[in-house]
Each structure stands twice: as C-alpha cells, then as structure tokens.
C-alpha atoms as a PDB file:
ATOM      1  CA  MET A   1      52.807  55.064  26.380  1.00  0.00           C
ATOM      2  CA  LYS A   2      52.604  51.554  28.057  1.00  0.00           C
ATOM      3  CA  ILE A   3      50.511  51.281  31.313  1.00  0.00           C
ATOM      4  CA  SER A   4      51.456  48.582  33.730  1.00  0.00           C
ATOM      5  CA  LYS A   5      49.157  45.758  34.995  1.00  0.00           C
ATOM      6  CA  GLU A   6      49.000  47.492  38.331  1.00  0.00           C
ATOM      7  CA  THR A   7      48.092  50.957  37.277  1.00  0.00           C
ATOM      8  CA  GLU A   8      45.421  49.266  34.930  1.00  0.00           C
ATOM      9  CA  GLN A   9      44.177  47.504  38.129  1.00  0.00           C
ATOM     10  CA  SER A  10      44.078  50.649  40.129  1.00  0.00           C
ATOM     11  CA  ILE A  11      42.340  52.665  37.280  1.00  0.00           C
ATOM     12  CA  ALA A  12      39.678  49.824  37.329  1.00  0.00           C
ATOM     13  CA  GLN A  13      39.195  50.004  40.999  1.00  0.00           C
ATOM     14  CA  LEU A  14      39.191  53.671  40.885  1.00  0.00           C
ATOM     15  CA  GLN A  15      36.111  53.552  38.667  1.00  0.00           C
ATOM     16  CA  LEU A  16      34.460  50.939  40.941  1.00  0.00           C
ATOM     17  CA  LEU A  17      34.876  53.488  43.706  1.00  0.00           C
ATOM     18  CA  GLU A  18      33.480  56.125  41.626  1.00  0.00           C
ATOM     19  CA  GLN A  19      30.474  53.955  41.077  1.00  0.00           C
ATOM     20  CA  ASN A  20      29.966  53.130  44.665  1.00  0.00           C
ATOM     21  CA  LEU A  21      30.002  56.873  45.510  1.00  0.00           C
ATOM     22  CA  GLN A  22      27.426  57.462  42.723  1.00  0.00           C
ATOM     23  CA  ASN A  23      25.340  54.861  44.342  1.00  0.00           C
ATOM     24  CA  PHE A  24      25.850  56.552  47.844  1.00  0.00           C
ATOM     25  CA  PHE A  25      24.677  59.706  46.483  1.00  0.00           C
ATOM     26  CA  MET A  26      21.388  58.342  45.183  1.00  0.00           C
ATOM     27  CA  GLN A  27      20.891  56.560  48.504  1.00  0.00           C
ATOM     28  CA  LYS A  28      21.557  59.643  50.494  1.00  0.00           C
ATOM     29  CA  GLN A  29      19.176  61.668  48.155  1.00  0.00           C
ATOM     30  CA  THR A  30      16.245  59.274  48.648  1.00  0.00           C
ATOM     31  CA  PHE A  31      16.921  59.455  52.512  1.00  0.00           C
ATOM     32  CA  GLN A  32      17.206  63.012  52.614  1.00  0.00           C
ATOM     33  CA  SER A  33      13.767  63.442  50.352  1.00  0.00           C
ATOM     34  CA  GLN A  34      12.163  60.920  53.007  1.00  0.00           C
ATOM     35  CA  LEU A  35      13.557  63.122  55.756  1.00  0.00           C
ATOM     36  CA  LEU A  36      11.888  66.128  54.431  1.00  0.00           C
ATOM     37  CA  GLU A  37       8.640  64.421  53.884  1.00  0.00           C
ATOM     38  CA  ILE A  38       8.615  63.280  57.641  1.00  0.00           C
ATOM     39  CA  GLU A  39       9.437  66.581  58.821  1.00  0.00           C
ATOM     40  CA  ASN A  40       6.668  68.210  56.950  1.00  0.00           C
ATOM     41  CA  ALA A  41       4.184  65.468  58.252  1.00  0.00           C
ATOM     42  CA  VAL A  42       5.294  66.244  61.808  1.00  0.00           C
ATOM     43  CA  LYS A  43       4.622  69.880  61.439  1.00  0.00           C
ATOM     44  CA  GLU A  44       1.156  69.232  59.803  1.00  0.00           C
ATOM     45  CA  LEU A  45       0.458  67.146  62.821  1.00  0.00           C
ATOM     46  CA  ASP A  46       1.640  69.513  65.006  1.00  0.00           C
ATOM     47  CA  LEU A  47      -1.344  72.121  63.664  1.00  0.00           C
ATOM     48  CA  THR A  48      -4.039  69.855  64.453  1.00  0.00           C
ATOM     49  CA  ASN A  49      -5.700  68.952  67.343  1.00  0.00           C
ATOM     50  CA  GLU A  50      -7.568  65.998  65.957  1.00  0.00           C
ATOM     51  CA  ASP A  51      -6.605  62.371  65.113  1.00  0.00           C
ATOM     52  CA  SER A  52      -5.405  62.116  61.927  1.00  0.00           C
ATOM     53  CA  TYR A  53      -4.948  59.341  59.293  1.00  0.00           C
ATOM     54  CA  LYS A  54      -2.112  57.289  58.009  1.00  0.00           C
ATOM     55  CA  ILE A  55      -2.058  55.434  54.830  1.00  0.00           C
ATOM     56  CA  ILE A  56      -1.202  51.372  54.877  1.00  0.00           C
ATOM     57  CA  GLY A  57      -1.059  50.136  51.578  1.00  0.00           C
ATOM     58  CA  ASN A  58      -4.009  51.246  49.677  1.00  0.00           C
ATOM     59  CA  ILE A  59      -6.150  52.035  52.831  1.00  0.00           C
ATOM     60  CA  MET A  60      -6.271  55.065  55.193  1.00  0.00           C
ATOM     61  CA  ILE A  61      -6.469  54.323  59.013  1.00  0.00           C
ATOM     62  CA  LYS A  62      -7.613  56.803  61.872  1.00  0.00           C
ATOM     63  CA  GLU A  63      -4.866  56.927  64.207  1.00  0.00           C
ATOM     64  CA  LYS A  64      -4.331  58.959  67.314  1.00  0.00           C
ATOM     65  CA  LYS A  65      -2.144  62.112  66.920  1.00  0.00           C
ATOM     66  CA  ASP A  66       0.433  61.193  69.750  1.00  0.00           C
ATOM     67  CA  LYS A  67       0.618  57.630  68.176  1.00  0.00           C
ATOM     68  CA  LEU A  68       1.313  59.068  64.660  1.00  0.00           C
ATOM     69  CA  ILE A  69       4.005  61.514  65.861  1.00  0.00           C
ATOM     70  CA  LYS A  70       5.718  58.834  67.950  1.00  0.00           C
ATOM     71  CA  GLU A  71       5.797  56.814  64.999  1.00  0.00           C
ATOM     72  CA  ILE A  72       6.884  59.234  62.534  1.00  0.00           C
ATOM     73  CA  LYS A  73       9.704  60.669  65.024  1.00  0.00           C
ATOM     74  CA  SER A  74      10.988  56.925  65.250  1.00  0.00           C
ATOM     75  CA  LYS A  75      10.952  56.828  61.490  1.00  0.00           C
ATOM     76  CA  LYS A  76      12.836  59.977  61.420  1.00  0.00           C
ATOM     77  CA  GLU A  77      15.715  58.529  63.960  1.00  0.00           C
ATOM     78  CA  ILE A  78      16.166  55.592  61.701  1.00  0.00           C
ATOM     79  CA  ILE A  79      16.754  57.706  58.380  1.00  0.00           C
ATOM     80  CA  GLU A  80      18.841  59.883  60.178  1.00  0.00           C
ATOM     81  CA  LEU A  81      21.191  56.940  61.491  1.00  0.00           C
ATOM     82  CA  ARG A  82      21.120  55.452  57.812  1.00  0.00           C
ATOM     83  CA  LEU A  83      22.123  58.954  56.567  1.00  0.00           C
ATOM     84  CA  LYS A  84      25.152  59.095  59.025  1.00  0.00           C
ATOM     85  CA  SER A  85      26.016  55.849  58.041  1.00  0.00           C
ATOM     86  CA  ILE A  86      26.123  56.541  54.448  1.00  0.00           C
ATOM     87  CA  GLU A  87      27.992  59.688  55.078  1.00  0.00           C
ATOM     88  CA  LYS A  88      30.759  57.918  56.922  1.00  0.00           C
ATOM     89  CA  GLN A  89      30.986  55.289  54.068  1.00  0.00           C
ATOM     90  CA  GLU A  90      31.331  57.875  51.650  1.00  0.00           C
ATOM     91  CA  LEU A  91      33.745  59.827  53.484  1.00  0.00           C
ATOM     92  CA  LYS A  92      35.805  56.528  53.614  1.00  0.00           C
ATOM     93  CA  ILE A  93      35.491  55.835  49.857  1.00  0.00           C
ATOM     94  CA  LYS A  94      36.155  59.213  49.046  1.00  0.00           C
ATOM     95  CA  GLU A  95      39.501  59.164  50.813  1.00  0.00           C
ATOM     96  CA  LYS A  96      40.388  55.864  49.396  1.00  0.00           C
ATOM     97  CA  ALA A  97      39.379  57.084  45.808  1.00  0.00           C
ATOM     98  CA  GLU A  98      41.681  60.317  46.409  1.00  0.00           C
ATOM     99  CA  GLU A  99      44.760  58.103  47.608  1.00  0.00           C
ATOM    100  CA  LEU A 100      44.160  55.832  44.476  1.00  0.00           C
ATOM    101  CA  GLN A 101      44.094  58.689  41.983  1.00  0.00           C
ATOM    102  CA  LYS A 102      47.069  60.213  43.418  1.00  0.00           C
ATOM    103  CA  LYS A 103      48.932  56.905  42.813  1.00  0.00           C
ATOM    104  CA  VAL A 104      47.506  56.551  39.352  1.00  0.00           C
ATOM    105  CA  VAL A 105      48.556  60.134  38.337  1.00  0.00           C
ATOM    106  CA  LYS A 106      52.003  59.450  39.923  1.00  0.00           C
ATOM    107  CA  GLU A 107      52.418  56.300  37.987  1.00  0.00           C
ATOM    108  CA  LEU A 108      51.162  57.835  34.696  1.00  0.00           C
ATOM    109  CA  GLU A 109      53.556  60.951  35.074  1.00  0.00           C
ATOM    110  CA  LYS A 110      56.539  58.602  34.861  1.00  0.00           C
END
C-alpha cells in the first residue's frame, strides 16, 4: 500500500496536533493543581482571625489577612482565565485533529 505525500503530511500534522494536545493537558493539570492550592489557602485564611504569613522567595512575611485574601483571589481569577483559554485552544485542536483523522482514514481506505 502506497501512501500519498499529502496523506503523509496529514499524518505528520495529526501527530503534531496530538503533541500539542498533550502539552495543553499538562498545562491544564498544572493550573488545576495551583487552583486547588489557592482554594485551600483561602479556606485556611477564612478560619483565622489573625494576620498570616506569605512566602516570598526563602522568607516568610507577615501580612494582613484582607490583603492576602485579595492577592490570592486575584491570582485565582488569573488562573481561571488561563484555564478557560487553554480549554478553548484544546477544543479547537481536538476538532481540527478529528477532521484530519477522518480525512486520513478516508484516504487510507481507498
């Protein structure tokens, strides 16, 4: 069975799309992990009435509870936006990969 140059290019492009999907998946996992850490930090801050500490580099700095909550919630919003962006890109790549896969299968069945 001889595969045309166009089909070979489509297969290579499909492999590249799969690699991109894998990269998005890893990024998504990282952001989801960070989001979970942030949610846990907010819960812990809600339980205390005192000022807390935040880590900057290798040191811990005392910070007002309200300021820490504001910083953490801001960081959470940014991560949620990044997650949405990744999910949109992931969806587009999945759709493109599915179309390309159908095209390749159709060509190989000839």
